[in-house]
């Protein structure tokens, strides 16, 4: 069955990208297996995640985006849809960006005064 093969491939890819919890793997499979960003958004909403669990959506989304060799606008569209409809996603995205900037600065790439 092609659906089972695709699902197995996504689970393998999730593991190889260090999606180390069942929740992260599920979110990864939704994001990467969706037909488009609307499909991904609707499937994420249907997961009925708690506020704490929903933080993982943004973390997984950013990890997927940053693993691409070239920019893929899919992730931006999905992030925009999530953030425009759920304030907690917007806040989590800000935190993820701050963490990334801090890591870059700590590695010596952060200029500053």
PDB file of N, CA and C in Angstrom:
ATOM      1  N   UNK A   1       0.840  -1.183   0.000  1.00  0.00           N
ATOM      2  CA  UNK A   1       0.000   0.000   0.000  1.00  0.00           C
ATOM      3  C   UNK A   1       0.883   1.244   0.000  1.00  0.00           C
ATOM      4  N   UNK A   2       0.622   2.148  -0.935  1.00  0.00           N
ATOM      5  CA  UNK A   2       1.430   3.358  -1.089  1.00  0.00           C
ATOM      6  C   UNK A   2       1.331   4.262   0.128  1.00  0.00           C
ATOM      7  N   UNK A   3       0.163   4.336   0.753  1.00  0.00           N
ATOM      8  CA  UNK A   3      -0.031   5.167   1.940  1.00  0.00           C
ATOM      9  C   UNK A   3       0.835   4.687   3.103  1.00  0.00           C
ATOM     10  N   UNK A   4       0.893   3.378   3.317  1.00  0.00           N
ATOM     11  CA  UNK A   4       1.722   2.823   4.386  1.00  0.00           C
ATOM     12  C   UNK A   4       3.196   3.060   4.115  1.00  0.00           C
ATOM     13  N   UNK A   5       3.612   2.935   2.865  1.00  0.00           N
ATOM     14  CA  UNK A   5       5.000   3.167   2.490  1.00  0.00           C
ATOM     15  C   UNK A   5       5.381   4.622   2.722  1.00  0.00           C
ATOM     16  N   UNK A   6       4.506   5.523   2.335  1.00  0.00           N
ATOM     17  CA  UNK A   6       4.742   6.950   2.530  1.00  0.00           C
ATOM     18  C   UNK A   6       4.829   7.280   4.015  1.00  0.00           C
ATOM     19  N   UNK A   7       3.937   6.699   4.803  1.00  0.00           N
ATOM     20  CA  UNK A   7       3.939   6.910   6.245  1.00  0.00           C
ATOM     21  C   UNK A   7       5.221   6.370   6.872  1.00  0.00           C
ATOM     22  N   UNK A   8       5.663   5.204   6.434  1.00  0.00           N
ATOM     23  CA  UNK A   8       6.908   4.619   6.936  1.00  0.00           C
ATOM     24  C   UNK A   8       8.100   5.498   6.587  1.00  0.00           C
ATOM     25  N   UNK A   9       8.108   6.015   5.375  1.00  0.00           N
ATOM     26  CA  UNK A   9       9.190   6.905   4.949  1.00  0.00           C
ATOM     27  C   UNK A   9       9.230   8.169   5.802  1.00  0.00           C
ATOM     28  N   UNK A  10       8.054   8.727   6.087  1.00  0.00           N
ATOM     29  CA  UNK A  10       7.991   9.927   6.921  1.00  0.00           C
ATOM     30  C   UNK A  10       8.467   9.644   8.343  1.00  0.00           C
ATOM     31  N   UNK A  11       8.096   8.484   8.889  1.00  0.00           N
ATOM     32  CA  UNK A  11       8.539   8.126  10.236  1.00  0.00           C
ATOM     33  C   UNK A  11      10.053   7.947  10.271  1.00  0.00           C
ATOM     34  N   UNK A  12      10.617   7.333   9.249  1.00  0.00           N
ATOM     35  CA  UNK A  12      12.066   7.170   9.163  1.00  0.00           C
ATOM     36  C   UNK A  12      12.748   8.535   9.098  1.00  0.00           C
ATOM     37  N   UNK A  13      12.200   9.417   8.254  1.00  0.00           N
ATOM     38  CA  UNK A  13      12.759  10.758   8.113  1.00  0.00           C
ATOM     39  C   UNK A  13      12.638  11.534   9.424  1.00  0.00           C
ATOM     40  N   UNK A  14      11.519  11.379  10.108  1.00  0.00           N
ATOM     41  CA  UNK A  14      11.314  12.051  11.401  1.00  0.00           C
ATOM     42  C   UNK A  14      12.385  11.614  12.397  1.00  0.00           C
ATOM     43  N   UNK A  15      12.644  10.339  12.441  1.00  0.00           N
ATOM     44  CA  UNK A  15      13.668   9.813  13.348  1.00  0.00           C
ATOM     45  C   UNK A  15      15.049  10.333  12.959  1.00  0.00           C
ATOM     46  N   UNK A  16      15.336  10.364  11.676  1.00  0.00           N
ATOM     47  CA  UNK A  16      16.651  10.830  11.223  1.00  0.00           C
ATOM     48  C   UNK A  16      16.846  12.321  11.502  1.00  0.00           C
ATOM     49  N   UNK A  17      15.745  13.062  11.628  1.00  0.00           N
ATOM     50  CA  UNK A  17      15.826  14.494  11.942  1.00  0.00           C
ATOM     51  C   UNK A  17      15.714  14.756  13.443  1.00  0.00           C
ATOM     52  N   UNK A  18      15.855  13.698  14.224  1.00  0.00           N
ATOM     53  CA  UNK A  18      15.853  13.764  15.687  1.00  0.00           C
ATOM     54  C   UNK A  18      14.526  14.255  16.267  1.00  0.00           C
ATOM     55  N   UNK A  19      13.453  13.862  15.632  1.00  0.00           N
ATOM     56  CA  UNK A  19      12.136  14.080  16.232  1.00  0.00           C
ATOM     57  C   UNK A  19      11.997  12.970  17.268  1.00  0.00           C
ATOM     58  N   UNK A  20      12.313  13.289  18.523  1.00  0.00           N
ATOM     59  CA  UNK A  20      12.546  12.261  19.526  1.00  0.00           C
ATOM     60  C   UNK A  20      11.355  11.931  20.423  1.00  0.00           C
ATOM     61  N   UNK A  21      10.190  12.477  20.130  1.00  0.00           N
ATOM     62  CA  UNK A  21       8.993  12.114  20.893  1.00  0.00           C
ATOM     63  C   UNK A  21       7.892  11.726  19.914  1.00  0.00           C
ATOM     64  N   UNK A  22       6.933  10.978  20.417  1.00  0.00           N
ATOM     65  CA  UNK A  22       5.800  10.580  19.571  1.00  0.00           C
ATOM     66  C   UNK A  22       5.055  11.810  19.061  1.00  0.00           C
ATOM     67  N   UNK A  23       4.930  12.829  19.906  1.00  0.00           N
ATOM     68  CA  UNK A  23       4.234  14.053  19.502  1.00  0.00           C
ATOM     69  C   UNK A  23       4.973  14.744  18.363  1.00  0.00           C
ATOM     70  N   UNK A  24       6.262  14.911  18.500  1.00  0.00           N
ATOM     71  CA  UNK A  24       7.033  15.555  17.433  1.00  0.00           C
ATOM     72  C   UNK A  24       6.972  14.756  16.136  1.00  0.00           C
ATOM     73  N   UNK A  25       7.043  13.443  16.247  1.00  0.00           N
ATOM     74  CA  UNK A  25       6.940  12.606  15.051  1.00  0.00           C
ATOM     75  C   UNK A  25       5.578  12.768  14.380  1.00  0.00           C
ATOM     76  N   UNK A  26       4.517  12.817  15.174  1.00  0.00           N
ATOM     77  CA  UNK A  26       3.170  12.997  14.621  1.00  0.00           C
ATOM     78  C   UNK A  26       3.036  14.336  13.920  1.00  0.00           C
ATOM     79  N   UNK A  27       3.532  15.386  14.564  1.00  0.00           N
ATOM     80  CA  UNK A  27       3.472  16.727  13.965  1.00  0.00           C
ATOM     81  C   UNK A  27       4.293  16.758  12.684  1.00  0.00           C
ATOM     82  N   UNK A  28       5.479  16.166  12.723  1.00  0.00           N
ATOM     83  CA  UNK A  28       6.341  16.101  11.547  1.00  0.00           C
ATOM     84  C   UNK A  28       5.613  15.432  10.389  1.00  0.00           C
ATOM     85  N   UNK A  29       4.980  14.301  10.665  1.00  0.00           N
ATOM     86  CA  UNK A  29       4.275  13.565   9.610  1.00  0.00           C
ATOM     87  C   UNK A  29       3.119  14.374   9.038  1.00  0.00           C
ATOM     88  N   UNK A  30       2.440  15.135   9.880  1.00  0.00           N
ATOM     89  CA  UNK A  30       1.356  15.995   9.387  1.00  0.00           C
ATOM     90  C   UNK A  30       1.928  17.082   8.481  1.00  0.00           C
ATOM     91  N   UNK A  31       2.977  17.765   8.947  1.00  0.00           N
ATOM     92  CA  UNK A  31       3.555  18.868   8.177  1.00  0.00           C
ATOM     93  C   UNK A  31       4.128  18.369   6.850  1.00  0.00           C
ATOM     94  N   UNK A  32       4.879  17.291   6.898  1.00  0.00           N
ATOM     95  CA  UNK A  32       5.563  16.818   5.702  1.00  0.00           C
ATOM     96  C   UNK A  32       4.666  15.976   4.788  1.00  0.00           C
ATOM     97  N   UNK A  33       3.575  15.447   5.328  1.00  0.00           N
ATOM     98  CA  UNK A  33       2.699  14.605   4.531  1.00  0.00           C
ATOM     99  C   UNK A  33       1.471  15.316   3.981  1.00  0.00           C
ATOM    100  N   UNK A  34       1.336  16.596   4.313  1.00  0.00           N
ATOM    101  CA  UNK A  34       0.148  17.345   3.877  1.00  0.00           C
ATOM    102  C   UNK A  34       0.216  17.677   2.394  1.00  0.00           C
ATOM    103  N   UNK A  35      -0.964  17.851   1.809  1.00  0.00           N
ATOM    104  CA  UNK A  35      -1.049  18.221   0.393  1.00  0.00           C
ATOM    105  C   UNK A  35      -0.591  19.658   0.163  1.00  0.00           C
ATOM    106  N   UNK A  36      -0.902  20.546   1.104  1.00  0.00           N
ATOM    107  CA  UNK A  36      -0.505  21.948   1.034  1.00  0.00           C
ATOM    108  C   UNK A  36      -0.601  22.533   2.439  1.00  0.00           C
ATOM    109  N   UNK A  37      -0.304  23.827   2.591  1.00  0.00           N
ATOM    110  CA  UNK A  37      -0.274  24.394   3.927  1.00  0.00           C
ATOM    111  C   UNK A  37      -1.659  24.452   4.569  1.00  0.00           C
ATOM    112  N   UNK A  38      -2.708  24.557   3.783  1.00  0.00           N
ATOM    113  CA  UNK A  38      -4.077  24.552   4.334  1.00  0.00           C
ATOM    114  C   UNK A  38      -4.393  23.163   4.892  1.00  0.00           C
ATOM    115  N   UNK A  39      -4.028  22.145   4.156  1.00  0.00           N
ATOM    116  CA  UNK A  39      -4.228  20.770   4.614  1.00  0.00           C
ATOM    117  C   UNK A  39      -3.455  20.528   5.909  1.00  0.00           C
ATOM    118  N   UNK A  40      -2.212  20.979   5.954  1.00  0.00           N
ATOM    119  CA  UNK A  40      -1.397  20.819   7.171  1.00  0.00           C
ATOM    120  C   UNK A  40      -2.037  21.555   8.335  1.00  0.00           C
ATOM    121  N   UNK A  41      -2.472  22.783   8.098  1.00  0.00           N
ATOM    122  CA  UNK A  41      -3.100  23.583   9.154  1.00  0.00           C
ATOM    123  C   UNK A  41      -4.341  22.872   9.705  1.00  0.00           C
ATOM    124  N   UNK A  42      -5.192  22.403   8.811  1.00  0.00           N
ATOM    125  CA  UNK A  42      -6.429  21.741   9.246  1.00  0.00           C
ATOM    126  C   UNK A  42      -6.133  20.469  10.036  1.00  0.00           C
ATOM    127  N   UNK A  43      -5.132  19.715   9.608  1.00  0.00           N
ATOM    128  CA  UNK A  43      -4.770  18.490  10.330  1.00  0.00           C
ATOM    129  C   UNK A  43      -4.167  18.805  11.693  1.00  0.00           C
ATOM    130  N   UNK A  44      -3.393  19.870  11.778  1.00  0.00           N
ATOM    131  CA  UNK A  44      -2.824  20.274  13.068  1.00  0.00           C
ATOM    132  C   UNK A  44      -3.936  20.683  14.021  1.00  0.00           C
ATOM    133  N   UNK A  45      -4.904  21.456  13.526  1.00  0.00           N
ATOM    134  CA  UNK A  45      -6.034  21.875  14.365  1.00  0.00           C
ATOM    135  C   UNK A  45      -6.811  20.646  14.859  1.00  0.00           C
ATOM    136  N   UNK A  46      -6.989  19.665  13.977  1.00  0.00           N
ATOM    137  CA  UNK A  46      -7.727  18.450  14.352  1.00  0.00           C
ATOM    138  C   UNK A  46      -6.996  17.604  15.389  1.00  0.00           C
ATOM    139  N   UNK A  47      -5.698  17.846  15.573  1.00  0.00           N
ATOM    140  CA  UNK A  47      -4.953  17.102  16.582  1.00  0.00           C
ATOM    141  C   UNK A  47      -5.393  17.495  17.995  1.00  0.00           C
ATOM    142  N   UNK A  48      -6.047  18.645  18.130  1.00  0.00           N
ATOM    143  CA  UNK A  48      -6.572  19.115  19.416  1.00  0.00           C
ATOM    144  C   UNK A  48      -5.499  19.076  20.505  1.00  0.00           C
ATOM    145  N   UNK A  49      -4.390  19.735  20.226  1.00  0.00           N
ATOM    146  CA  UNK A  49      -3.268  19.753  21.150  1.00  0.00           C
ATOM    147  C   UNK A  49      -3.515  20.735  22.291  1.00  0.00           C
ATOM    148  N   UNK A  50      -2.982  20.424  23.447  1.00  0.00           N
ATOM    149  CA  UNK A  50      -3.034  21.362  24.561  1.00  0.00           C
ATOM    150  C   UNK A  50      -2.111  22.537  24.228  1.00  0.00           C
ATOM    151  N   UNK A  51      -2.199  23.594  25.014  1.00  0.00           N
ATOM    152  CA  UNK A  51      -1.339  24.757  24.782  1.00  0.00           C
ATOM    153  C   UNK A  51       0.124  24.361  24.844  1.00  0.00           C
ATOM    154  N   UNK A  52       0.479  23.553  25.816  1.00  0.00           N
ATOM    155  CA  UNK A  52       1.879  23.122  25.952  1.00  0.00           C
ATOM    156  C   UNK A  52       2.292  22.247  24.774  1.00  0.00           C
ATOM    157  N   UNK A  53       1.443  21.311  24.376  1.00  0.00           N
ATOM    158  CA  UNK A  53       1.760  20.447  23.233  1.00  0.00           C
ATOM    159  C   UNK A  53       1.878  21.251  21.943  1.00  0.00           C
ATOM    160  N   UNK A  54       1.048  22.281  21.790  1.00  0.00           N
ATOM    161  CA  UNK A  54       1.039  23.044  20.540  1.00  0.00           C
ATOM    162  C   UNK A  54       2.338  23.798  20.314  1.00  0.00           C
ATOM    163  N   UNK A  55       3.116  24.020  21.367  1.00  0.00           N
ATOM    164  CA  UNK A  55       4.424  24.667  21.203  1.00  0.00           C
ATOM    165  C   UNK A  55       5.339  23.849  20.298  1.00  0.00           C
ATOM    166  N   UNK A  56       5.145  22.544  20.314  1.00  0.00           N
ATOM    167  CA  UNK A  56       5.981  21.667  19.502  1.00  0.00           C
ATOM    168  C   UNK A  56       5.735  21.855  18.009  1.00  0.00           C
ATOM    169  N   UNK A  57       4.544  22.318  17.646  1.00  0.00           N
ATOM    170  CA  UNK A  57       4.232  22.524  16.227  1.00  0.00           C
ATOM    171  C   UNK A  57       5.227  23.503  15.614  1.00  0.00           C
ATOM    172  N   UNK A  58       5.430  24.631  16.280  1.00  0.00           N
ATOM    173  CA  UNK A  58       6.345  25.645  15.758  1.00  0.00           C
ATOM    174  C   UNK A  58       7.774  25.129  15.767  1.00  0.00           C
ATOM    175  N   UNK A  59       8.158  24.449  16.834  1.00  0.00           N
ATOM    176  CA  UNK A  59       9.527  23.923  16.908  1.00  0.00           C
ATOM    177  C   UNK A  59       9.812  22.942  15.765  1.00  0.00           C
ATOM    178  N   UNK A  60       8.858  22.060  15.503  1.00  0.00           N
ATOM    179  CA  UNK A  60       9.013  21.097  14.408  1.00  0.00           C
ATOM    180  C   UNK A  60       9.022  21.826  13.062  1.00  0.00           C
ATOM    181  N   UNK A  61       8.127  22.785  12.905  1.00  0.00           N
ATOM    182  CA  UNK A  61       8.041  23.552  11.667  1.00  0.00           C
ATOM    183  C   UNK A  61       9.360  24.262  11.364  1.00  0.00           C
ATOM    184  N   UNK A  62       9.935  24.909  12.359  1.00  0.00           N
ATOM    185  CA  UNK A  62      11.199  25.617  12.164  1.00  0.00           C
ATOM    186  C   UNK A  62      12.326  24.641  11.847  1.00  0.00           C
ATOM    187  N   UNK A  63      12.345  23.502  12.513  1.00  0.00           N
ATOM    188  CA  UNK A  63      13.384  22.505  12.230  1.00  0.00           C
ATOM    189  C   UNK A  63      13.258  21.997  10.791  1.00  0.00           C
ATOM    190  N   UNK A  64      12.039  21.734  10.349  1.00  0.00           N
ATOM    191  CA  UNK A  64      11.832  21.276   8.967  1.00  0.00           C
ATOM    192  C   UNK A  64      12.313  22.331   7.978  1.00  0.00           C
ATOM    193  N   UNK A  65      11.926  23.576   8.229  1.00  0.00           N
ATOM    194  CA  UNK A  65      12.303  24.670   7.335  1.00  0.00           C
ATOM    195  C   UNK A  65      13.816  24.818   7.277  1.00  0.00           C
ATOM    196  N   UNK A  66      14.467  24.762   8.424  1.00  0.00           N
ATOM    197  CA  UNK A  66      15.914  24.977   8.457  1.00  0.00           C
ATOM    198  C   UNK A  66      16.702  23.805   7.886  1.00  0.00           C
ATOM    199  N   UNK A  67      16.057  22.665   7.717  1.00  0.00           N
ATOM    200  CA  UNK A  67      16.765  21.512   7.158  1.00  0.00           C
ATOM    201  C   UNK A  67      16.731  21.486   5.624  1.00  0.00           C
ATOM    202  N   UNK A  68      15.945  22.351   5.035  1.00  0.00           N
ATOM    203  CA  UNK A  68      15.846  22.396   3.571  1.00  0.00           C
ATOM    204  C   UNK A  68      17.105  23.023   2.974  1.00  0.00           C
ATOM    205  N   UNK A  69      17.507  22.542   1.827  1.00  0.00           N
ATOM    206  CA  UNK A  69      18.677  23.089   1.142  1.00  0.00           C
ATOM    207  C   UNK A  69      18.408  24.492   0.594  1.00  0.00           C
ATOM    208  N   UNK A  70      17.164  24.737   0.197  1.00  0.00           N
ATOM    209  CA  UNK A  70      16.758  26.042  -0.320  1.00  0.00           C
ATOM    210  C   UNK A  70      15.453  26.431   0.356  1.00  0.00           C
ATOM    211  N   UNK A  71      15.191  27.722   0.419  1.00  0.00           N
ATOM    212  CA  UNK A  71      13.968  28.200   1.060  1.00  0.00           C
ATOM    213  C   UNK A  71      12.739  27.609   0.372  1.00  0.00           C
ATOM    214  N   UNK A  72      11.813  27.140   1.176  1.00  0.00           N
ATOM    215  CA  UNK A  72      10.550  26.606   0.672  1.00  0.00           C
ATOM    216  C   UNK A  72       9.427  27.442   1.286  1.00  0.00           C
ATOM    217  N   UNK A  73       8.691  28.196   0.480  1.00  0.00           N
ATOM    218  CA  UNK A  73       7.666  29.094   1.019  1.00  0.00           C
ATOM    219  C   UNK A  73       6.533  28.373   1.757  1.00  0.00           C
ATOM    220  N   UNK A  74       6.392  27.080   1.562  1.00  0.00           N
ATOM    221  CA  UNK A  74       5.374  26.286   2.262  1.00  0.00           C
ATOM    222  C   UNK A  74       5.417  26.539   3.765  1.00  0.00           C
ATOM    223  N   UNK A  75       6.623  26.532   4.327  1.00  0.00           N
ATOM    224  CA  UNK A  75       6.761  26.685   5.771  1.00  0.00           C
ATOM    225  C   UNK A  75       6.334  28.081   6.222  1.00  0.00           C
ATOM    226  N   UNK A  76       6.650  29.075   5.438  1.00  0.00           N
ATOM    227  CA  UNK A  76       6.232  30.442   5.756  1.00  0.00           C
ATOM    228  C   UNK A  76       4.726  30.599   5.706  1.00  0.00           C
ATOM    229  N   UNK A  77       4.112  30.003   4.698  1.00  0.00           N
ATOM    230  CA  UNK A  77       2.650  30.069   4.600  1.00  0.00           C
ATOM    231  C   UNK A  77       1.987  29.367   5.786  1.00  0.00           C
ATOM    232  N   UNK A  78       2.514  28.200   6.140  1.00  0.00           N
ATOM    233  CA  UNK A  78       1.949  27.465   7.266  1.00  0.00           C
ATOM    234  C   UNK A  78       2.165  28.228   8.567  1.00  0.00           C
ATOM    235  N   UNK A  79       3.348  28.755   8.773  1.00  0.00           N
ATOM    236  CA  UNK A  79       3.620  29.538   9.984  1.00  0.00           C
ATOM    237  C   UNK A  79       2.707  30.759  10.048  1.00  0.00           C
ATOM    238  N   UNK A  80       2.528  31.427   8.928  1.00  0.00           N
ATOM    239  CA  UNK A  80       1.642  32.595   8.886  1.00  0.00           C
ATOM    240  C   UNK A  80       0.215  32.241   9.236  1.00  0.00           C
ATOM    241  N   UNK A  81      -0.264  31.135   8.691  1.00  0.00           N
ATOM    242  CA  UNK A  81      -1.636  30.687   8.969  1.00  0.00           C
ATOM    243  C   UNK A  81      -1.788  30.339  10.450  1.00  0.00           C
ATOM    244  N   UNK A  82      -0.816  29.614  10.992  1.00  0.00           N
ATOM    245  CA  UNK A  82      -0.871  29.246  12.406  1.00  0.00           C
ATOM    246  C   UNK A  82      -0.842  30.486  13.300  1.00  0.00           C
ATOM    247  N   UNK A  83       0.079  31.403  13.011  1.00  0.00           N
ATOM    248  CA  UNK A  83       0.239  32.592  13.852  1.00  0.00           C
ATOM    249  C   UNK A  83      -0.934  33.552  13.744  1.00  0.00           C
ATOM    250  N   UNK A  84      -1.550  33.642  12.582  1.00  0.00           N
ATOM    251  CA  UNK A  84      -2.672  34.571  12.420  1.00  0.00           C
ATOM    252  C   UNK A  84      -3.940  34.057  13.096  1.00  0.00           C
ATOM    253  N   UNK A  85      -4.006  32.756  13.357  1.00  0.00           N
ATOM    254  CA  UNK A  85      -5.208  32.192  13.955  1.00  0.00           C
ATOM    255  C   UNK A  85      -5.038  31.741  15.405  1.00  0.00           C
ATOM    256  N   UNK A  86      -3.803  31.695  15.875  1.00  0.00           N
ATOM    257  CA  UNK A  86      -3.545  31.213  17.243  1.00  0.00           C
ATOM    258  C   UNK A  86      -2.406  32.020  17.840  1.00  0.00           C
ATOM    259  N   UNK A  87      -2.723  32.858  18.804  1.00  0.00           N
ATOM    260  CA  UNK A  87      -1.728  33.742  19.403  1.00  0.00           C
ATOM    261  C   UNK A  87      -0.564  32.978  20.046  1.00  0.00           C
ATOM    262  N   UNK A  88      -0.862  31.817  20.604  1.00  0.00           N
ATOM    263  CA  UNK A  88       0.208  31.050  21.255  1.00  0.00           C
ATOM    264  C   UNK A  88       1.273  30.604  20.252  1.00  0.00           C
ATOM    265  N   UNK A  89       0.887  30.348  19.003  1.00  0.00           N
ATOM    266  CA  UNK A  89       1.879  29.980  17.983  1.00  0.00           C
ATOM    267  C   UNK A  89       2.785  31.174  17.667  1.00  0.00           C
ATOM    268  N   UNK A  90       2.191  32.351  17.618  1.00  0.00           N
ATOM    269  CA  UNK A  90       2.980  33.556  17.352  1.00  0.00           C
ATOM    270  C   UNK A  90       4.019  33.768  18.446  1.00  0.00           C
ATOM    271  N   UNK A  91       3.612  33.618  19.681  1.00  0.00           N
ATOM    272  CA  UNK A  91       4.528  33.791  20.805  1.00  0.00           C
ATOM    273  C   UNK A  91       5.630  32.736  20.782  1.00  0.00           C
ATOM    274  N   UNK A  92       5.256  31.489  20.519  1.00  0.00           N
ATOM    275  CA  UNK A  92       6.256  30.412  20.453  1.00  0.00           C
ATOM    276  C   UNK A  92       7.250  30.669  19.329  1.00  0.00           C
ATOM    277  N   UNK A  93       6.773  31.158  18.188  1.00  0.00           N
ATOM    278  CA  UNK A  93       7.677  31.461  17.075  1.00  0.00           C
ATOM    279  C   UNK A  93       8.675  32.537  17.475  1.00  0.00           C
ATOM    280  N   UNK A  94       8.216  33.551  18.194  1.00  0.00           N
ATOM    281  CA  UNK A  94       9.131  34.585  18.679  1.00  0.00           C
ATOM    282  C   UNK A  94      10.204  33.978  19.583  1.00  0.00           C
ATOM    283  N   UNK A  95       9.794  33.101  20.488  1.00  0.00           N
ATOM    284  CA  UNK A  95      10.750  32.462  21.398  1.00  0.00           C
ATOM    285  C   UNK A  95      11.764  31.612  20.641  1.00  0.00           C
ATOM    286  N   UNK A  96      11.290  30.877  19.652  1.00  0.00           N
ATOM    287  CA  UNK A  96      12.190  30.033  18.854  1.00  0.00           C
ATOM    288  C   UNK A  96      13.220  30.909  18.125  1.00  0.00           C
ATOM    289  N   UNK A  97      12.767  32.013  17.546  1.00  0.00           N
ATOM    290  CA  UNK A  97      13.702  32.919  16.869  1.00  0.00           C
ATOM    291  C   UNK A  97      14.709  33.504  17.850  1.00  0.00           C
ATOM    292  N   UNK A  98      14.248  33.918  19.021  1.00  0.00           N
ATOM    293  CA  UNK A  98      15.166  34.467  20.020  1.00  0.00           C
ATOM    294  C   UNK A  98      16.214  33.432  20.413  1.00  0.00           C
ATOM    295  N   UNK A  99      15.769  32.189  20.598  1.00  0.00           N
ATOM    296  CA  UNK A  99      16.714  31.112  20.938  1.00  0.00           C
ATOM    297  C   UNK A  99      17.747  30.917  19.831  1.00  0.00           C
ATOM    298  N   UNK A 100      17.289  30.958  18.585  1.00  0.00           N
ATOM    299  CA  UNK A 100      18.208  30.785  17.454  1.00  0.00           C
ATOM    300  C   UNK A 100      19.216  31.933  17.400  1.00  0.00           C
ATOM    301  N   UNK A 101      18.749  33.165  17.582  1.00  0.00           N
ATOM    302  CA  UNK A 101      19.640  34.319  17.554  1.00  0.00           C
ATOM    303  C   UNK A 101      20.657  34.232  18.686  1.00  0.00           C
ATOM    304  N   UNK A 102      20.215  33.796  19.839  1.00  0.00           N
ATOM    305  CA  UNK A 102      21.109  33.647  20.996  1.00  0.00           C
ATOM    306  C   UNK A 102      22.183  32.593  20.691  1.00  0.00           C
ATOM    307  N   UNK A 103      21.778  31.481  20.085  1.00  0.00           N
ATOM    308  CA  UNK A 103      22.752  30.443  19.733  1.00  0.00           C
ATOM    309  C   UNK A 103      23.791  30.974  18.757  1.00  0.00           C
ATOM    310  N   UNK A 104      23.347  31.747  17.764  1.00  0.00           N
ATOM    311  CA  UNK A 104      24.274  32.305  16.795  1.00  0.00           C
ATOM    312  C   UNK A 104      25.227  33.261  17.481  1.00  0.00           C
ATOM    313  N   UNK A 105      24.702  34.077  18.379  1.00  0.00           N
ATOM    314  CA  UNK A 105      25.537  35.036  19.090  1.00  0.00           C
ATOM    315  C   UNK A 105      26.556  34.301  19.966  1.00  0.00           C
ATOM    316  N   UNK A 106      26.113  33.248  20.638  1.00  0.00           N
ATOM    317  CA  UNK A 106      27.002  32.476  21.493  1.00  0.00           C
ATOM    318  C   UNK A 106      28.110  31.786  20.705  1.00  0.00           C
ATOM    319  N   UNK A 107      27.848  31.502  19.436  1.00  0.00           N
ATOM    320  CA  UNK A 107      28.855  30.846  18.588  1.00  0.00           C
ATOM    321  C   UNK A 107      29.834  31.860  17.975  1.00  0.00           C
ATOM    322  N   UNK A 108      29.650  33.114  18.330  1.00  0.00           N
ATOM    323  CA  UNK A 108      30.585  34.130  17.850  1.00  0.00           C
ATOM    324  C   UNK A 108      30.134  34.867  16.596  1.00  0.00           C
ATOM    325  N   UNK A 109      28.920  34.586  16.141  1.00  0.00           N
ATOM    326  CA  UNK A 109      28.446  35.246  14.926  1.00  0.00           C
ATOM    327  C   UNK A 109      27.634  36.484  15.199  1.00  0.00           C
ATOM    328  N   UNK A 110      27.592  36.934  16.457  1.00  0.00           N
ATOM    329  CA  UNK A 110      26.650  37.990  16.785  1.00  0.00           C
ATOM    330  C   UNK A 110      27.229  39.361  16.988  1.00  0.00           C
ATOM    331  N   UNK A 111      28.111  39.886  16.333  1.00  0.00           N
ATOM    332  CA  UNK A 111      28.496  41.294  16.434  1.00  0.00           C
ATOM    333  C   UNK A 111      28.249  41.906  17.795  1.00  0.00           C
ATOM    334  N   UNK A 112      27.547  42.967  17.828  1.00  0.00           N
ATOM    335  CA  UNK A 112      27.185  43.629  19.080  1.00  0.00           C
ATOM    336  C   UNK A 112      28.361  44.341  19.709  1.00  0.00           C
ATOM    337  N   UNK A 113      28.082  45.313  20.521  1.00  0.00           N
ATOM    338  CA  UNK A 113      28.941  46.173  21.035  1.00  0.00           C
ATOM    339  C   UNK A 113      30.058  46.271  21.786  1.00  0.00           C
TER     340      UNK A 113
END
